[in-house]
Amino acid sequence: MKPEQPRYLAYLLRLWYVGGNGEPAWRASLEDAQTGERLGFAHLAALVAFLEQATRTGPTSPPSGCCSDSAENRE
C-alpha cells in the first residue's frame, strides 16, 4: 500500500545574499517545521527544484544541488 501524500508541507525559508570574492548570489535554507531537518541550497534553482519535487511526490530525499545545512551554505 502506497503511503498517503501529505496534505500540506511546512518549511521555514531563510534567504541571504552573498557577495564576497566570487559571483554574487542568493543562498537559501529550508527547515522542516515537523522534523527540524534543515537543508541548504547554494542556488535558488536548486530550492525551486526541491519544492517542485516535494509537491509532486511528497517529502523525499533532496535533489542534487541541495545538501544538509553546513557552514559553506551559511556564508
N, C-alpha and C. Protein backbone atom coordinates (compact mmCIF):
# COMPACT_ATOMS: atom_id res chain seq x y z
N MET A 1 0.83 -1.17 0.00
CA MET A 1 0.00 0.00 0.00
C MET A 1 0.88 1.24 0.00
N LYS A 2 0.61 2.18 -0.90
CA LYS A 2 1.39 3.41 -1.01
C LYS A 2 0.98 4.38 0.10
N PRO A 3 1.99 4.97 0.80
CA PRO A 3 1.64 5.93 1.84
C PRO A 3 0.92 7.14 1.24
N GLU A 4 -0.01 7.70 2.00
CA GLU A 4 -0.76 8.86 1.54
C GLU A 4 0.14 10.08 1.47
N GLN A 5 0.01 10.85 0.39
CA GLN A 5 0.78 12.08 0.24
C GLN A 5 0.29 13.09 1.26
N PRO A 6 1.21 13.81 1.90
CA PRO A 6 0.78 14.79 2.89
C PRO A 6 -0.12 15.86 2.27
N ARG A 7 -1.04 16.38 3.05
CA ARG A 7 -1.96 17.42 2.57
C ARG A 7 -1.31 18.80 2.61
N TYR A 8 -0.24 18.95 3.38
CA TYR A 8 0.48 20.22 3.37
C TYR A 8 1.92 19.96 3.79
N LEU A 9 2.78 20.86 3.40
CA LEU A 9 4.18 20.86 3.80
C LEU A 9 4.45 22.20 4.45
N ALA A 10 5.24 22.21 5.52
CA ALA A 10 5.54 23.47 6.21
C ALA A 10 7.06 23.59 6.39
N TYR A 11 7.59 24.67 5.88
CA TYR A 11 9.02 24.94 5.98
C TYR A 11 9.24 26.38 6.43
N LEU A 12 10.32 26.60 7.15
CA LEU A 12 10.79 27.94 7.42
C LEU A 12 11.85 28.22 6.36
N LEU A 13 11.64 29.25 5.56
CA LEU A 13 12.55 29.62 4.47
C LEU A 13 13.44 30.76 4.94
N ARG A 14 14.75 30.60 4.75
CA ARG A 14 15.71 31.67 5.02
C ARG A 14 16.45 31.97 3.73
N LEU A 15 16.57 33.24 3.39
CA LEU A 15 17.31 33.68 2.21
C LEU A 15 18.34 34.70 2.64
N TRP A 16 19.54 34.65 2.04
CA TRP A 16 20.54 35.65 2.31
C TRP A 16 21.41 35.84 1.07
N TYR A 17 21.94 37.03 0.95
CA TYR A 17 22.74 37.43 -0.21
C TYR A 17 24.21 37.35 0.15
N VAL A 18 24.99 36.74 -0.71
CA VAL A 18 26.44 36.67 -0.51
C VAL A 18 27.14 37.31 -1.70
N GLY A 19 28.13 38.13 -1.41
CA GLY A 19 28.90 38.78 -2.47
C GLY A 19 30.29 38.18 -2.49
N GLY A 20 31.12 38.67 -1.58
CA GLY A 20 32.46 38.12 -1.42
C GLY A 20 33.31 38.16 -2.67
N ASN A 21 34.25 37.22 -2.75
CA ASN A 21 35.20 37.16 -3.85
C ASN A 21 34.59 36.60 -5.13
N GLY A 22 33.62 35.73 -4.97
CA GLY A 22 33.01 35.07 -6.13
C GLY A 22 31.88 35.89 -6.71
N GLU A 23 31.10 35.23 -7.51
CA GLU A 23 29.94 35.86 -8.14
C GLU A 23 28.85 36.06 -7.09
N PRO A 24 28.27 37.26 -7.00
CA PRO A 24 27.19 37.49 -6.03
C PRO A 24 26.02 36.54 -6.28
N ALA A 25 25.43 36.06 -5.20
CA ALA A 25 24.34 35.10 -5.35
C ALA A 25 23.48 35.08 -4.09
N TRP A 26 22.28 34.58 -4.25
CA TRP A 26 21.39 34.32 -3.12
C TRP A 26 21.58 32.89 -2.67
N ARG A 27 21.59 32.67 -1.38
CA ARG A 27 21.62 31.35 -0.77
C ARG A 27 20.29 31.16 -0.05
N ALA A 28 19.95 29.90 0.22
CA ALA A 28 18.68 29.62 0.89
C ALA A 28 18.81 28.40 1.78
N SER A 29 17.97 28.35 2.78
CA SER A 29 17.82 27.12 3.57
C SER A 29 16.33 26.94 3.88
N LEU A 30 15.95 25.69 3.99
CA LEU A 30 14.60 25.33 4.40
C LEU A 30 14.71 24.49 5.66
N GLU A 31 13.89 24.79 6.64
CA GLU A 31 13.81 23.97 7.85
C GLU A 31 12.42 23.35 7.91
N ASP A 32 12.39 22.02 7.93
CA ASP A 32 11.12 21.31 8.01
C ASP A 32 10.49 21.60 9.37
N ALA A 33 9.28 22.15 9.36
CA ALA A 33 8.61 22.53 10.60
C ALA A 33 8.28 21.33 11.48
N GLN A 34 8.12 20.16 10.87
CA GLN A 34 7.74 18.98 11.65
C GLN A 34 8.96 18.28 12.24
N THR A 35 10.02 18.12 11.44
CA THR A 35 11.18 17.34 11.88
C THR A 35 12.35 18.19 12.36
N GLY A 36 12.39 19.45 11.96
CA GLY A 36 13.53 20.31 12.30
C GLY A 36 14.71 20.13 11.37
N GLU A 37 14.62 19.20 10.42
CA GLU A 37 15.71 18.99 9.47
C GLU A 37 15.90 20.26 8.64
N ARG A 38 17.18 20.65 8.44
CA ARG A 38 17.47 21.84 7.67
C ARG A 38 18.26 21.46 6.43
N LEU A 39 17.86 22.01 5.31
CA LEU A 39 18.53 21.79 4.04
C LEU A 39 19.04 23.11 3.51
N GLY A 40 20.26 23.10 2.96
CA GLY A 40 20.85 24.31 2.40
C GLY A 40 20.89 24.24 0.88
N PHE A 41 20.76 25.38 0.24
CA PHE A 41 20.75 25.47 -1.21
C PHE A 41 21.72 26.56 -1.65
N ALA A 42 22.66 26.20 -2.49
CA ALA A 42 23.64 27.15 -2.99
C ALA A 42 23.08 28.01 -4.11
N HIS A 43 21.98 27.57 -4.72
CA HIS A 43 21.37 28.29 -5.83
C HIS A 43 19.85 28.25 -5.68
N LEU A 44 19.19 29.32 -6.07
CA LEU A 44 17.73 29.37 -5.96
C LEU A 44 17.08 28.32 -6.86
N ALA A 45 17.73 28.00 -7.99
CA ALA A 45 17.17 26.97 -8.88
C ALA A 45 17.07 25.62 -8.16
N ALA A 46 18.04 25.31 -7.30
CA ALA A 46 18.00 24.06 -6.54
C ALA A 46 16.86 24.08 -5.52
N LEU A 47 16.61 25.24 -4.92
CA LEU A 47 15.49 25.38 -3.99
C LEU A 47 14.17 25.13 -4.70
N VAL A 48 14.00 25.75 -5.86
CA VAL A 48 12.77 25.58 -6.63
C VAL A 48 12.61 24.11 -7.06
N ALA A 49 13.69 23.47 -7.49
CA ALA A 49 13.63 22.06 -7.89
C ALA A 49 13.19 21.19 -6.71
N PHE A 50 13.71 21.47 -5.52
CA PHE A 50 13.33 20.71 -4.34
C PHE A 50 11.83 20.87 -4.06
N LEU A 51 11.34 22.11 -4.10
CA LEU A 51 9.93 22.36 -3.82
C LEU A 51 9.03 21.72 -4.88
N GLU A 52 9.45 21.76 -6.13
CA GLU A 52 8.67 21.11 -7.18
C GLU A 52 8.60 19.61 -6.95
N GLN A 53 9.72 19.01 -6.59
CA GLN A 53 9.75 17.57 -6.33
C GLN A 53 8.90 17.22 -5.11
N ALA A 54 9.03 18.01 -4.05
CA ALA A 54 8.29 17.73 -2.81
C ALA A 54 6.79 17.82 -3.02
N THR A 55 6.34 18.77 -3.84
CA THR A 55 4.91 18.91 -4.05
C THR A 55 4.38 17.92 -5.07
N ARG A 56 5.26 17.32 -5.83
CA ARG A 56 4.85 16.31 -6.81
C ARG A 56 4.79 14.93 -6.17
N THR A 57 5.74 14.64 -5.27
CA THR A 57 5.86 13.28 -4.75
C THR A 57 5.75 13.18 -3.24
N GLY A 58 5.67 14.28 -2.54
CA GLY A 58 5.71 14.24 -1.09
C GLY A 58 7.15 14.28 -0.62
N PRO A 59 7.41 14.41 0.66
CA PRO A 59 8.77 14.52 1.17
C PRO A 59 9.62 13.32 0.77
N THR A 60 10.79 13.62 0.22
CA THR A 60 11.74 12.59 -0.21
C THR A 60 13.14 13.07 0.05
N SER A 61 14.10 12.35 -0.47
CA SER A 61 15.49 12.78 -0.39
C SER A 61 15.69 14.04 -1.20
N PRO A 62 16.58 14.92 -0.77
CA PRO A 62 16.82 16.15 -1.51
C PRO A 62 17.44 15.86 -2.88
N PRO A 63 17.11 16.68 -3.90
CA PRO A 63 17.70 16.51 -5.22
C PRO A 63 19.13 17.03 -5.24
N SER A 64 19.84 16.83 -6.33
CA SER A 64 21.20 17.36 -6.45
C SER A 64 21.13 18.88 -6.38
N GLY A 65 22.18 19.49 -5.86
CA GLY A 65 22.19 20.93 -5.68
C GLY A 65 21.69 21.33 -4.30
N CYS A 66 21.30 20.34 -3.52
CA CYS A 66 20.79 20.59 -2.18
C CYS A 66 21.61 19.76 -1.21
N CYS A 67 21.79 20.28 -0.06
CA CYS A 67 22.53 19.49 0.93
C CYS A 67 22.06 19.86 2.33
N SER A 68 22.43 19.03 3.29
CA SER A 68 22.13 19.37 4.68
C SER A 68 22.84 20.68 5.00
N ASP A 69 22.26 21.45 5.90
CA ASP A 69 22.82 22.75 6.25
C ASP A 69 24.23 22.57 6.74
N SER A 70 25.13 23.37 6.18
CA SER A 70 26.53 23.33 6.60
C SER A 70 27.11 24.73 6.53
N ALA A 71 28.28 24.91 7.08
CA ALA A 71 28.90 26.22 7.11
C ALA A 71 29.08 26.80 5.71
N GLU A 72 29.37 25.98 4.72
CA GLU A 72 29.58 26.50 3.38
C GLU A 72 28.31 27.08 2.78
N ASN A 73 27.15 26.65 3.22
CA ASN A 73 25.90 27.19 2.70
C ASN A 73 25.39 28.37 3.53
N ARG A 74 26.06 28.66 4.64
CA ARG A 74 25.61 29.76 5.51
C ARG A 74 26.51 30.96 5.41
N GLU A 75 27.27 31.11 4.33
CA GLU A 75 28.23 32.20 4.16
C GLU A 75 27.65 33.53 4.55
